[in-house]
Amino acid sequence: DDFGSGYSNFEHLAKLNIDYIKIDGSLIVNIDHAYLSQTIVEMVAS
């Protein structure tokens, strides 16, 4: 949960066998006009 809200999230992906990433709502709520949020979410989804 809340992926993208901290600095160690990618370490979790590397060390834990997970099925879903729930992208933190602070990156989503205004993504339609927040360029930085768009960049981060696009990178996470890819």
PDB file of all heavy atoms in Angstrom:
ATOM      1  N   ASP A   1       0.833  -1.203   0.000  1.00  0.00           N
ATOM      2  CA  ASP A   1       0.000   0.000   0.000  1.00  0.00           C
ATOM      3  C   ASP A   1       0.870   1.257   0.000  1.00  0.00           C
ATOM      4  O   ASP A   1       2.036   1.224   0.421  1.00  0.00           O
ATOM      5  CB  ASP A   1      -0.905  -0.015   1.227  1.00  0.00           C
ATOM      6  CG  ASP A   1      -2.071   0.943   1.094  1.00  0.00           C
ATOM      7  OD1 ASP A   1      -2.415   1.291  -0.039  1.00  0.00           O
ATOM      8  OD2 ASP A   1      -2.640   1.320   2.135  1.00  0.00           O
ATOM      9  N   ASP A   2       0.283   2.356  -0.479  1.00  0.00           N
ATOM     10  CA  ASP A   2       0.922   3.685  -0.437  1.00  0.00           C
ATOM     11  C   ASP A   2       2.294   3.702  -1.100  1.00  0.00           C
ATOM     12  O   ASP A   2       3.227   4.371  -0.642  1.00  0.00           O
ATOM     13  CB  ASP A   2       1.052   4.160   1.022  1.00  0.00           C
ATOM     14  CG  ASP A   2      -0.291   4.339   1.685  1.00  0.00           C
ATOM     15  OD1 ASP A   2      -1.282   4.592   0.971  1.00  0.00           O
ATOM     16  OD2 ASP A   2      -0.365   4.203   2.927  1.00  0.00           O
ATOM     17  N   PHE A   3       2.424   2.978  -2.212  1.00  0.00           N
ATOM     18  CA  PHE A   3       3.708   2.957  -2.922  1.00  0.00           C
ATOM     19  C   PHE A   3       3.987   4.343  -3.518  1.00  0.00           C
ATOM     20  O   PHE A   3       3.115   4.972  -4.086  1.00  0.00           O
ATOM     21  CB  PHE A   3       3.682   1.910  -4.054  1.00  0.00           C
ATOM     22  CG  PHE A   3       5.029   1.624  -4.632  1.00  0.00           C
ATOM     23  CD1 PHE A   3       5.841   0.657  -4.074  1.00  0.00           C
ATOM     24  CD2 PHE A   3       5.485   2.329  -5.736  1.00  0.00           C
ATOM     25  CE1 PHE A   3       7.093   0.393  -4.610  1.00  0.00           C
ATOM     26  CE2 PHE A   3       6.737   2.075  -6.276  1.00  0.00           C
ATOM     27  CZ  PHE A   3       7.540   1.104  -5.708  1.00  0.00           C
ATOM     28  N   GLY A   4       5.236   4.786  -3.341  1.00  0.00           N
ATOM     29  CA  GLY A   4       5.620   6.098  -3.839  1.00  0.00           C
ATOM     30  C   GLY A   4       5.651   7.168  -2.775  1.00  0.00           C
ATOM     31  O   GLY A   4       6.074   8.295  -3.033  1.00  0.00           O
ATOM     32  N   SER A   5       5.239   6.820  -1.540  1.00  0.00           N
ATOM     33  CA  SER A   5       5.214   7.820  -0.465  1.00  0.00           C
ATOM     34  C   SER A   5       6.516   7.835   0.325  1.00  0.00           C
ATOM     35  O   SER A   5       6.713   8.698   1.169  1.00  0.00           O
ATOM     36  CB  SER A   5       4.043   7.532   0.493  1.00  0.00           C
ATOM     37  OG  SER A   5       4.203   6.255   1.085  1.00  0.00           O
ATOM     38  N   GLY A   6       7.413   6.867   0.085  1.00  0.00           N
ATOM     39  CA  GLY A   6       8.679   6.813   0.824  1.00  0.00           C
ATOM     40  C   GLY A   6       9.841   6.558  -0.110  1.00  0.00           C
ATOM     41  O   GLY A   6       9.686   6.512  -1.327  1.00  0.00           O
ATOM     42  N   TYR A   7      11.020   6.364   0.492  1.00  0.00           N
ATOM     43  CA  TYR A   7      12.231   6.211  -0.311  1.00  0.00           C
ATOM     44  C   TYR A   7      12.663   4.759  -0.481  1.00  0.00           C
ATOM     45  O   TYR A   7      13.510   4.459  -1.292  1.00  0.00           O
ATOM     46  CB  TYR A   7      13.376   6.988   0.354  1.00  0.00           C
ATOM     47  CG  TYR A   7      13.141   8.469   0.411  1.00  0.00           C
ATOM     48  CD1 TYR A   7      12.732   9.083   1.589  1.00  0.00           C
ATOM     49  CD2 TYR A   7      13.297   9.251  -0.731  1.00  0.00           C
ATOM     50  CE1 TYR A   7      12.501  10.444   1.652  1.00  0.00           C
ATOM     51  CE2 TYR A   7      13.064  10.625  -0.691  1.00  0.00           C
ATOM     52  CZ  TYR A   7      12.670  11.211   0.504  1.00  0.00           C
ATOM     53  OH  TYR A   7      12.447  12.553   0.557  1.00  0.00           O
ATOM     54  N   SER A   8      12.072   3.858   0.303  1.00  0.00           N
ATOM     55  CA  SER A   8      12.567   2.482   0.290  1.00  0.00           C
ATOM     56  C   SER A   8      11.621   1.530  -0.427  1.00  0.00           C
ATOM     57  O   SER A   8      11.791   0.328  -0.363  1.00  0.00           O
ATOM     58  CB  SER A   8      12.776   1.992   1.734  1.00  0.00           C
ATOM     59  OG  SER A   8      11.555   2.049   2.451  1.00  0.00           O
ATOM     60  N   ASN A   9      10.589   2.064  -1.127  1.00  0.00           N
ATOM     61  CA  ASN A   9       9.580   1.189  -1.712  1.00  0.00           C
ATOM     62  C   ASN A   9      10.149   0.215  -2.739  1.00  0.00           C
ATOM     63  O   ASN A   9       9.717  -0.929  -2.819  1.00  0.00           O
ATOM     64  CB  ASN A   9       8.485   2.025  -2.367  1.00  0.00           C
ATOM     65  CG  ASN A   9       7.647   2.790  -1.336  1.00  0.00           C
ATOM     66  OD1 ASN A   9       7.089   3.818  -1.630  1.00  0.00           O
ATOM     67  ND2 ASN A   9       7.579   2.270  -0.113  1.00  0.00           N
ATOM     68  N   PHE A  10      11.112   0.646  -3.544  1.00  0.00           N
ATOM     69  CA  PHE A  10      11.674  -0.234  -4.572  1.00  0.00           C
ATOM     70  C   PHE A  10      12.443  -1.392  -3.939  1.00  0.00           C
ATOM     71  O   PHE A  10      12.534  -2.464  -4.510  1.00  0.00           O
ATOM     72  CB  PHE A  10      12.578   0.555  -5.529  1.00  0.00           C
ATOM     73  CG  PHE A  10      11.786   1.365  -6.520  1.00  0.00           C
ATOM     74  CD1 PHE A  10      11.538   2.699  -6.314  1.00  0.00           C
ATOM     75  CD2 PHE A  10      11.255   0.767  -7.661  1.00  0.00           C
ATOM     76  CE1 PHE A  10      10.786   3.440  -7.210  1.00  0.00           C
ATOM     77  CE2 PHE A  10      10.506   1.495  -8.571  1.00  0.00           C
ATOM     78  CZ  PHE A  10      10.263   2.844  -8.346  1.00  0.00           C
ATOM     79  N   GLU A  11      12.977  -1.158  -2.727  1.00  0.00           N
ATOM     80  CA  GLU A  11      13.648  -2.243  -2.014  1.00  0.00           C
ATOM     81  C   GLU A  11      12.634  -3.318  -1.649  1.00  0.00           C
ATOM     82  O   GLU A  11      12.938  -4.510  -1.695  1.00  0.00           O
ATOM     83  CB  GLU A  11      14.311  -1.698  -0.745  1.00  0.00           C
ATOM     84  CG  GLU A  11      15.119  -2.737   0.007  1.00  0.00           C
ATOM     85  CD  GLU A  11      15.776  -2.179   1.257  1.00  0.00           C
ATOM     86  OE1 GLU A  11      15.476  -1.030   1.629  1.00  0.00           O
ATOM     87  OE2 GLU A  11      16.575  -2.913   1.869  1.00  0.00           O
ATOM     88  N   HIS A  12      11.393  -2.905  -1.308  1.00  0.00           N
ATOM     89  CA  HIS A  12      10.346  -3.880  -0.997  1.00  0.00           C
ATOM     90  C   HIS A  12      10.063  -4.758  -2.217  1.00  0.00           C
ATOM     91  O   HIS A  12       9.896  -5.974  -2.087  1.00  0.00           O
ATOM     92  CB  HIS A  12       9.051  -3.180  -0.589  1.00  0.00           C
ATOM     93  CG  HIS A  12       9.207  -2.234   0.560  1.00  0.00           C
ATOM     94  ND1 HIS A  12      10.189  -2.362   1.502  1.00  0.00           N
ATOM     95  CD2 HIS A  12       8.472  -1.126   0.914  1.00  0.00           C
ATOM     96  CE1 HIS A  12      10.071  -1.390   2.392  1.00  0.00           C
ATOM     97  NE2 HIS A  12       9.051  -0.614   2.054  1.00  0.00           N
ATOM     98  N   LEU A  13      10.016  -4.154  -3.402  1.00  0.00           N
ATOM     99  CA  LEU A  13       9.729  -4.908  -4.620  1.00  0.00           C
ATOM    100  C   LEU A  13      10.818  -5.931  -4.892  1.00  0.00           C
ATOM    101  O   LEU A  13      10.556  -7.030  -5.386  1.00  0.00           O
ATOM    102  CB  LEU A  13       9.589  -3.957  -5.808  1.00  0.00           C
ATOM    103  CG  LEU A  13       8.453  -2.931  -5.729  1.00  0.00           C
ATOM    104  CD1 LEU A  13       8.425  -2.085  -6.995  1.00  0.00           C
ATOM    105  CD2 LEU A  13       7.119  -3.619  -5.522  1.00  0.00           C
ATOM    106  N   ALA A  14      12.061  -5.539  -4.587  1.00  0.00           N
ATOM    107  CA  ALA A  14      13.188  -6.434  -4.853  1.00  0.00           C
ATOM    108  C   ALA A  14      13.229  -7.596  -3.869  1.00  0.00           C
ATOM    109  O   ALA A  14      13.662  -8.696  -4.220  1.00  0.00           O
ATOM    110  CB  ALA A  14      14.496  -5.646  -4.789  1.00  0.00           C
ATOM    111  N   LYS A  15      12.778  -7.370  -2.628  1.00  0.00           N
ATOM    112  CA  LYS A  15      12.952  -8.386  -1.586  1.00  0.00           C
ATOM    113  C   LYS A  15      11.679  -9.139  -1.226  1.00  0.00           C
ATOM    114  O   LYS A  15      11.756 -10.146  -0.516  1.00  0.00           O
ATOM    115  CB  LYS A  15      13.518  -7.730  -0.323  1.00  0.00           C
ATOM    116  CG  LYS A  15      14.935  -7.182  -0.523  1.00  0.00           C
ATOM    117  CD  LYS A  15      15.511  -6.651   0.787  1.00  0.00           C
ATOM    118  CE  LYS A  15      16.959  -6.206   0.593  1.00  0.00           C
ATOM    119  NZ  LYS A  15      17.569  -5.710   1.833  1.00  0.00           N
ATOM    120  N   LEU A  16      10.525  -8.653  -1.678  1.00  0.00           N
ATOM    121  CA  LEU A  16       9.268  -9.298  -1.329  1.00  0.00           C
ATOM    122  C   LEU A  16       8.540  -9.750  -2.591  1.00  0.00           C
ATOM    123  O   LEU A  16       8.498  -9.031  -3.593  1.00  0.00           O
ATOM    124  CB  LEU A  16       8.376  -8.336  -0.536  1.00  0.00           C
ATOM    125  CG  LEU A  16       8.946  -7.831   0.800  1.00  0.00           C
ATOM    126  CD1 LEU A  16       8.044  -6.754   1.381  1.00  0.00           C
ATOM    127  CD2 LEU A  16       9.133  -8.973   1.793  1.00  0.00           C
ATOM    128  N   ASN A  17       7.969 -10.924  -2.532  1.00  0.00           N
ATOM    129  CA  ASN A  17       7.256 -11.511  -3.671  1.00  0.00           C
ATOM    130  C   ASN A  17       5.809 -11.022  -3.648  1.00  0.00           C
ATOM    131  O   ASN A  17       4.930 -11.652  -3.082  1.00  0.00           O
ATOM    132  CB  ASN A  17       7.329 -13.039  -3.569  1.00  0.00           C
ATOM    133  CG  ASN A  17       6.642 -13.709  -4.742  1.00  0.00           C
ATOM    134  OD1 ASN A  17       6.377 -13.088  -5.774  1.00  0.00           O
ATOM    135  ND2 ASN A  17       6.349 -14.997  -4.584  1.00  0.00           N
ATOM    136  N   ILE A  18       5.530  -9.857  -4.284  1.00  0.00           N
ATOM    137  CA  ILE A  18       4.212  -9.231  -4.193  1.00  0.00           C
ATOM    138  C   ILE A  18       3.456  -9.345  -5.512  1.00  0.00           C
ATOM    139  O   ILE A  18       4.033  -9.653  -6.568  1.00  0.00           O
ATOM    140  CB  ILE A  18       4.312  -7.757  -3.776  1.00  0.00           C
ATOM    141  CG1 ILE A  18       5.024  -6.947  -4.848  1.00  0.00           C
ATOM    142  CG2 ILE A  18       5.006  -7.627  -2.430  1.00  0.00           C
ATOM    143  CD1 ILE A  18       4.930  -5.468  -4.621  1.00  0.00           C
ATOM    144  N   ASP A  19       2.143  -9.094  -5.454  1.00  0.00           N
ATOM    145  CA  ASP A  19       1.276  -9.218  -6.633  1.00  0.00           C
ATOM    146  C   ASP A  19       0.711  -7.870  -7.076  1.00  0.00           C
ATOM    147  O   ASP A  19       0.388  -7.700  -8.257  1.00  0.00           O
ATOM    148  CB  ASP A  19       0.110 -10.156  -6.314  1.00  0.00           C
ATOM    149  CG  ASP A  19       0.588 -11.538  -5.885  1.00  0.00           C
ATOM    150  OD1 ASP A  19       1.087 -12.272  -6.740  1.00  0.00           O
ATOM    151  OD2 ASP A  19       0.487 -11.851  -4.677  1.00  0.00           O
ATOM    152  N   TYR A  20       0.575  -6.929  -6.126  1.00  0.00           N
ATOM    153  CA  TYR A  20      -0.014  -5.630  -6.450  1.00  0.00           C
ATOM    154  C   TYR A  20       0.830  -4.509  -5.844  1.00  0.00           C
ATOM    155  O   TYR A  20       1.355  -4.632  -4.732  1.00  0.00           O
ATOM    156  CB  TYR A  20      -1.434  -5.497  -5.887  1.00  0.00           C
ATOM    157  CG  TYR A  20      -2.457  -6.413  -6.497  1.00  0.00           C
ATOM    158  CD1 TYR A  20      -2.725  -7.653  -5.909  1.00  0.00           C
ATOM    159  CD2 TYR A  20      -3.190  -6.046  -7.630  1.00  0.00           C
ATOM    160  CE1 TYR A  20      -3.678  -8.495  -6.435  1.00  0.00           C
ATOM    161  CE2 TYR A  20      -4.150  -6.878  -8.157  1.00  0.00           C
ATOM    162  CZ  TYR A  20      -4.386  -8.112  -7.563  1.00  0.00           C
ATOM    163  OH  TYR A  20      -5.345  -8.945  -8.091  1.00  0.00           O
ATOM    164  N   ILE A  21       0.893  -3.391  -6.588  1.00  0.00           N
ATOM    165  CA  ILE A  21       1.402  -2.132  -6.054  1.00  0.00           C
ATOM    166  C   ILE A  21       0.230  -1.161  -6.011  1.00  0.00           C
ATOM    167  O   ILE A  21      -0.386  -0.887  -7.054  1.00  0.00           O
ATOM    168  CB  ILE A  21       2.519  -1.544  -6.950  1.00  0.00           C
ATOM    169  CG1 ILE A  21       3.749  -2.432  -6.937  1.00  0.00           C
ATOM    170  CG2 ILE A  21       2.869  -0.132  -6.498  1.00  0.00           C
ATOM    171  CD1 ILE A  21       4.812  -1.997  -7.960  1.00  0.00           C
ATOM    172  N   LYS A  22      -0.091  -0.654  -4.808  1.00  0.00           N
ATOM    173  CA  LYS A  22      -1.127   0.366  -4.694  1.00  0.00           C
ATOM    174  C   LYS A  22      -0.425   1.723  -4.640  1.00  0.00           C
ATOM    175  O   LYS A  22       0.279   2.041  -3.674  1.00  0.00           O
ATOM    176  CB  LYS A  22      -1.980   0.143  -3.454  1.00  0.00           C
ATOM    177  CG  LYS A  22      -2.777  -1.160  -3.494  1.00  0.00           C
ATOM    178  CD  LYS A  22      -3.910  -1.175  -2.484  1.00  0.00           C
ATOM    179  CE  LYS A  22      -5.057  -0.302  -2.930  1.00  0.00           C
ATOM    180  NZ  LYS A  22      -6.243  -0.414  -2.056  1.00  0.00           N
ATOM    181  N   ILE A  23      -0.571   2.494  -5.709  1.00  0.00           N
ATOM    182  CA  ILE A  23       0.130   3.772  -5.832  1.00  0.00           C
ATOM    183  C   ILE A  23      -0.500   4.785  -4.886  1.00  0.00           C
ATOM    184  O   ILE A  23      -1.733   4.939  -4.828  1.00  0.00           O
ATOM    185  CB  ILE A  23       0.077   4.282  -7.282  1.00  0.00           C
ATOM    186  CG1 ILE A  23       0.675   3.219  -8.214  1.00  0.00           C
ATOM    187  CG2 ILE A  23       0.833   5.594  -7.428  1.00  0.00           C
ATOM    188  CD1 ILE A  23       0.472   3.516  -9.700  1.00  0.00           C
ATOM    189  N   ASP A  24       0.338   5.476  -4.121  1.00  0.00           N
ATOM    190  CA  ASP A  24      -0.128   6.392  -3.085  1.00  0.00           C
ATOM    191  C   ASP A  24      -1.078   7.441  -3.655  1.00  0.00           C
ATOM    192  O   ASP A  24      -0.820   8.028  -4.715  1.00  0.00           O
ATOM    193  CB  ASP A  24       1.078   7.068  -2.429  1.00  0.00           C
ATOM    194  CG  ASP A  24       0.659   7.908  -1.238  1.00  0.00           C
ATOM    195  OD1 ASP A  24       0.184   7.324  -0.252  1.00  0.00           O
ATOM    196  OD2 ASP A  24       0.787   9.139  -1.303  1.00  0.00           O
ATOM    197  N   GLY A  25      -2.183   7.679  -2.942  1.00  0.00           N
ATOM    198  CA  GLY A  25      -3.215   8.596  -3.407  1.00  0.00           C
ATOM    199  C   GLY A  25      -2.727  10.015  -3.612  1.00  0.00           C
ATOM    200  O   GLY A  25      -3.290  10.760  -4.438  1.00  0.00           O
ATOM    201  N   SER A  26      -1.681  10.438  -2.867  1.00  0.00           N
ATOM    202  CA  SER A  26      -1.168  11.805  -3.036  1.00  0.00           C
ATOM    203  C   SER A  26      -0.597  12.028  -4.429  1.00  0.00           C
ATOM    204  O   SER A  26      -0.549  13.172  -4.905  1.00  0.00           O
ATOM    205  CB  SER A  26      -0.098  12.094  -1.980  1.00  0.00           C
ATOM    206  OG  SER A  26       1.026  11.236  -2.149  1.00  0.00           O
ATOM    207  N   LEU A  27      -0.193  10.927  -5.106  1.00  0.00           N
ATOM    208  CA  LEU A  27       0.325  11.044  -6.473  1.00  0.00           C
ATOM    209  C   LEU A  27      -0.794  11.028  -7.512  1.00  0.00           C
ATOM    210  O   LEU A  27      -0.602  11.465  -8.650  1.00  0.00           O
ATOM    211  CB  LEU A  27       1.304   9.896  -6.775  1.00  0.00           C
ATOM    212  CG  LEU A  27       2.580   9.853  -5.929  1.00  0.00           C
ATOM    213  CD1 LEU A  27       3.336   8.551  -6.183  1.00  0.00           C
ATOM    214  CD2 LEU A  27       3.466  11.052  -6.218  1.00  0.00           C
ATOM    215  N   ILE A  28      -1.972  10.517  -7.109  1.00  0.00           N
ATOM    216  CA  ILE A  28      -3.071  10.309  -8.055  1.00  0.00           C
ATOM    217  C   ILE A  28      -4.073  11.461  -8.054  1.00  0.00           C
ATOM    218  O   ILE A  28      -4.581  11.873  -9.100  1.00  0.00           O
ATOM    219  CB  ILE A  28      -3.805   8.988  -7.737  1.00  0.00           C
ATOM    220  CG1 ILE A  28      -2.827   7.794  -7.812  1.00  0.00           C
ATOM    221  CG2 ILE A  28      -4.985   8.766  -8.673  1.00  0.00           C
ATOM    222  CD1 ILE A  28      -2.219   7.563  -9.163  1.00  0.00           C
ATOM    223  N   VAL A  29      -4.362  12.018  -6.879  1.00  0.00           N
ATOM    224  CA  VAL A  29      -5.513  12.902  -6.720  1.00  0.00           C
ATOM    225  C   VAL A  29      -5.476  14.100  -7.670  1.00  0.00           C
ATOM    226  O   VAL A  29      -6.524  14.513  -8.192  1.00  0.00           O
ATOM    227  CB  VAL A  29      -5.629  13.354  -5.242  1.00  0.00           C
ATOM    228  CG1 VAL A  29      -4.447  14.214  -4.811  1.00  0.00           C
ATOM    229  CG2 VAL A  29      -6.958  14.046  -5.002  1.00  0.00           C
ATOM    230  N   ASN A  30      -4.291  14.640  -7.944  1.00  0.00           N
ATOM    231  CA  ASN A  30      -4.192  15.800  -8.854  1.00  0.00           C
ATOM    232  C   ASN A  30      -3.298  15.508 -10.053  1.00  0.00           C
ATOM    233  O   ASN A  30      -2.699  16.410 -10.640  1.00  0.00           O
ATOM    234  CB  ASN A  30      -3.633  17.007  -8.093  1.00  0.00           C
ATOM    235  CG  ASN A  30      -4.588  17.498  -7.028  1.00  0.00           C
ATOM    236  OD1 ASN A  30      -5.784  17.591  -7.265  1.00  0.00           O
ATOM    237  ND2 ASN A  30      -4.044  17.796  -5.847  1.00  0.00           N
ATOM    238  N   ILE A  31      -3.224  14.266 -10.458  1.00  0.00           N
ATOM    239  CA  ILE A  31      -2.275  13.868 -11.505  1.00  0.00           C
ATOM    240  C   ILE A  31      -2.591  14.502 -12.858  1.00  0.00           C
ATOM    241  O   ILE A  31      -1.703  14.674 -13.696  1.00  0.00           O
ATOM    242  CB  ILE A  31      -2.246  12.323 -11.622  1.00  0.00           C
ATOM    243  CG1 ILE A  31      -1.020  11.890 -12.436  1.00  0.00           C
ATOM    244  CG2 ILE A  31      -3.548  11.792 -12.204  1.00  0.00           C
ATOM    245  CD1 ILE A  31      -0.821  10.388 -12.443  1.00  0.00           C
ATOM    246  N   ASP A  32      -3.852  14.895 -13.046  1.00  0.00           N
ATOM    247  CA  ASP A  32      -4.223  15.459 -14.350  1.00  0.00           C
ATOM    248  C   ASP A  32      -3.592  16.820 -14.598  1.00  0.00           C
ATOM    249  O   ASP A  32      -3.557  17.296 -15.736  1.00  0.00           O
ATOM    250  CB  ASP A  32      -5.742  15.532 -14.507  1.00  0.00           C
ATOM    251  CG  ASP A  32      -6.417  16.213 -13.330  1.00  0.00           C
ATOM    252  OD1 ASP A  32      -5.774  16.325 -12.255  1.00  0.00           O
ATOM    253  OD2 ASP A  32      -7.584  16.627 -13.466  1.00  0.00           O
ATOM    254  N   HIS A  33      -3.080  17.482 -13.547  1.00  0.00           N
ATOM    255  CA  HIS A  33      -2.368  18.743 -13.784  1.00  0.00           C
ATOM    256  C   HIS A  33      -1.108  18.868 -12.918  1.00  0.00           C
ATOM    257  O   HIS A  33      -0.654  19.968 -12.632  1.00  0.00           O
ATOM    258  CB  HIS A  33      -3.295  19.943 -13.546  1.00  0.00           C
ATOM    259  CG  HIS A  33      -3.926  19.950 -12.182  1.00  0.00           C
ATOM    260  ND1 HIS A  33      -5.182  19.448 -11.968  1.00  0.00           N
ATOM    261  CD2 HIS A  33      -3.473  20.378 -10.982  1.00  0.00           C
ATOM    262  CE1 HIS A  33      -5.486  19.580 -10.692  1.00  0.00           C
ATOM    263  NE2 HIS A  33      -4.447  20.143 -10.065  1.00  0.00           N
ATOM    264  N   ALA A  34      -0.534  17.698 -12.502  1.00  0.00           N
ATOM    265  CA  ALA A  34       0.717  17.707 -11.726  1.00  0.00           C
ATOM    266  C   ALA A  34       1.757  16.892 -12.485  1.00  0.00           C
ATOM    267  O   ALA A  34       1.723  15.656 -12.488  1.00  0.00           O
ATOM    268  CB  ALA A  34       0.484  17.138 -10.332  1.00  0.00           C
ATOM    269  N   TYR A  35       2.685  17.600 -13.157  1.00  0.00           N
ATOM    270  CA  TYR A  35       3.630  16.935 -14.056  1.00  0.00           C
ATOM    271  C   TYR A  35       4.524  15.942 -13.306  1.00  0.00           C
ATOM    272  O   TYR A  35       4.799  14.834 -13.800  1.00  0.00           O
ATOM    273  CB  TYR A  35       4.508  17.987 -14.770  1.00  0.00           C
ATOM    274  CG  TYR A  35       5.565  17.377 -15.647  1.00  0.00           C
ATOM    275  CD1 TYR A  35       5.222  16.810 -16.885  1.00  0.00           C
ATOM    276  CD2 TYR A  35       6.909  17.345 -15.242  1.00  0.00           C
ATOM    277  CE1 TYR A  35       6.190  16.234 -17.694  1.00  0.00           C
ATOM    278  CE2 TYR A  35       7.875  16.775 -16.054  1.00  0.00           C
ATOM    279  CZ  TYR A  35       7.519  16.218 -17.271  1.00  0.00           C
ATOM    280  OH  TYR A  35       8.473  15.644 -18.064  1.00  0.00           O
ATOM    281  N   LEU A  36       4.983  16.321 -12.099  1.00  0.00           N
ATOM    282  CA  LEU A  36       5.877  15.438 -11.358  1.00  0.00           C
ATOM    283  C   LEU A  36       5.166  14.140 -10.982  1.00  0.00           C
ATOM    284  O   LEU A  36       5.740  13.046 -11.107  1.00  0.00           O
ATOM    285  CB  LEU A  36       6.376  16.132 -10.079  1.00  0.00           C
ATOM    286  CG  LEU A  36       7.369  15.333  -9.209  1.00  0.00           C
ATOM    287  CD1 LEU A  36       8.614  14.961 -10.000  1.00  0.00           C
ATOM    288  CD2 LEU A  36       7.740  16.119  -7.956  1.00  0.00           C
ATOM    289  N   SER A  37       3.928  14.241 -10.575  1.00  0.00           N
ATOM    290  CA  SER A  37       3.147  13.047 -10.239  1.00  0.00           C
ATOM    291  C   SER A  37       2.967  12.172 -11.477  1.00  0.00           C
ATOM    292  O   SER A  37       3.057  10.931 -11.398  1.00  0.00           O
ATOM    293  CB  SER A  37       1.775  13.427  -9.686  1.00  0.00           C
ATOM    294  OG  SER A  37       1.895  14.085  -8.448  1.00  0.00           O
ATOM    295  N   GLN A  38       2.728  12.791 -12.621  1.00  0.00           N
ATOM    296  CA  GLN A  38       2.580  12.033 -13.867  1.00  0.00           C
ATOM    297  C   GLN A  38       3.847  11.234 -14.169  1.00  0.00           C
ATOM    298  O   GLN A  38       3.795  10.046 -14.517  1.00  0.00           O
ATOM    299  CB  GLN A  38       2.283  12.979 -15.032  1.00  0.00           C
ATOM    300  CG  GLN A  38       0.949  13.685 -14.946  1.00  0.00           C
ATOM    301  CD  GLN A  38       0.796  14.761 -16.022  1.00  0.00           C
ATOM    302  OE1 GLN A  38       1.553  14.787 -17.006  1.00  0.00           O
ATOM    303  NE2 GLN A  38      -0.183  15.649 -15.821  1.00  0.00           N
ATOM    304  N   THR A  39       4.987  11.872 -13.992  1.00  0.00           N
ATOM    305  CA  THR A  39       6.264  11.220 -14.282  1.00  0.00           C
ATOM    306  C   THR A  39       6.491  10.027 -13.358  1.00  0.00           C
ATOM    307  O   THR A  39       6.885   8.942 -13.801  1.00  0.00           O
ATOM    308  CB  THR A  39       7.414  12.230 -14.120  1.00  0.00           C
ATOM    309  OG1 THR A  39       7.175  13.347 -14.981  1.00  0.00           O
ATOM    310  CG2 THR A  39       8.744  11.575 -14.450  1.00  0.00           C
ATOM    311  N   ILE A  40       6.217  10.223 -12.057  1.00  0.00           N
ATOM    312  CA  ILE A  40       6.447   9.148 -11.071  1.00  0.00           C
ATOM    313  C   ILE A  40       5.500   7.984 -11.325  1.00  0.00           C
ATOM    314  O   ILE A  40       5.922   6.814 -11.356  1.00  0.00           O
ATOM    315  CB  ILE A  40       6.271   9.680  -9.633  1.00  0.00           C
ATOM    316  CG1 ILE A  40       7.350  10.712  -9.312  1.00  0.00           C
ATOM    317  CG2 ILE A  40       6.322   8.533  -8.626  1.00  0.00           C
ATOM    318  CD1 ILE A  40       7.142  11.417  -7.985  1.00  0.00           C
ATOM    319  N   VAL A  41       4.211   8.246 -11.539  1.00  0.00           N
ATOM    320  CA  VAL A  41       3.228   7.178 -11.746  1.00  0.00           C
ATOM    321  C   VAL A  41       3.527   6.430 -13.034  1.00  0.00           C
ATOM    322  O   VAL A  41       3.441   5.189 -13.092  1.00  0.00           O
ATOM    323  CB  VAL A  41       1.805   7.754 -11.756  1.00  0.00           C
ATOM    324  CG1 VAL A  41       0.793   6.686 -12.187  1.00  0.00           C
ATOM    325  CG2 VAL A  41       1.449   8.302 -10.392  1.00  0.00           C
ATOM    326  N   GLU A  42       3.897   7.157 -14.080  1.00  0.00           N
ATOM    327  CA  GLU A  42       4.236   6.508 -15.360  1.00  0.00           C
ATOM    328  C   GLU A  42       5.428   5.569 -15.171  1.00  0.00           C
ATOM    329  O   GLU A  42       5.449   4.445 -15.694  1.00  0.00           O
ATOM    330  CB  GLU A  42       4.541   7.572 -16.403  1.00  0.00           C
ATOM    331  CG  GLU A  42       4.527   7.056 -17.829  1.00  0.00           C
ATOM    332  CD  GLU A  42       4.544   8.179 -18.843  1.00  0.00           C
ATOM    333  OE1 GLU A  42       4.948   9.308 -18.471  1.00  0.00           O
ATOM    334  OE2 GLU A  42       4.150   7.919 -19.978  1.00  0.00           O
ATOM    335  N   MET A  43       6.417   6.010 -14.405  1.00  0.00           N
ATOM    336  CA  MET A  43       7.606   5.190 -14.158  1.00  0.00           C
ATOM    337  C   MET A  43       7.238   3.949 -13.356  1.00  0.00           C
ATOM    338  O   MET A  43       7.690   2.833 -13.657  1.00  0.00           O
ATOM    339  CB  MET A  43       8.644   6.015 -13.393  1.00  0.00           C
ATOM    340  CG  MET A  43       9.915   5.244 -13.048  1.00  0.00           C
ATOM    341  SD  MET A  43      11.043   6.227 -12.039  1.00  0.00           S
ATOM    342  CE  MET A  43      10.080   6.395 -10.536  1.00  0.00           C
ATOM    343  N   VAL A  44       6.402   4.123 -12.304  1.00  0.00           N
ATOM    344  CA  VAL A  44       5.999   2.991 -11.464  1.00  0.00           C
ATOM    345  C   VAL A  44       5.198   1.985 -12.281  1.00  0.00           C
ATOM    346  O   VAL A  44       5.423   0.763 -12.191  1.00  0.00           O
ATOM    347  CB  VAL A  44       5.175   3.469 -10.250  1.00  0.00           C
ATOM    348  CG1 VAL A  44       4.553   2.297  -9.509  1.00  0.00           C
ATOM    349  CG2 VAL A  44       6.040   4.290  -9.307  1.00  0.00           C
ATOM    350  N   ALA A  45       4.249   2.455 -13.099  1.00  0.00           N
ATOM    351  CA  ALA A  45       3.419   1.561 -13.904  1.00  0.00           C
ATOM    352  C   ALA A  45       4.275   0.777 -14.890  1.00  0.00           C
ATOM    353  O   ALA A  45       4.071  -0.431 -15.088  1.00  0.00           O
ATOM    354  CB  ALA A  45       2.352   2.369 -14.635  1.00  0.00           C
ATOM    355  N   SER A  46       5.218   1.457 -15.530  1.00  0.00           N
ATOM    356  CA  SER A  46       6.108   0.794 -16.496  1.00  0.00           C
ATOM    357  C   SER A  46       6.966  -0.256 -15.804  1.00  0.00           C
ATOM    358  O   SER A  46       7.123  -1.378 -16.307  1.00  0.00           O
ATOM    359  CB  SER A  46       6.990   1.844 -17.174  1.00  0.00           C
ATOM    360  OG  SER A  46       7.928   1.230 -18.023  1.00  0.00           O
TER     361      SER A  46
END
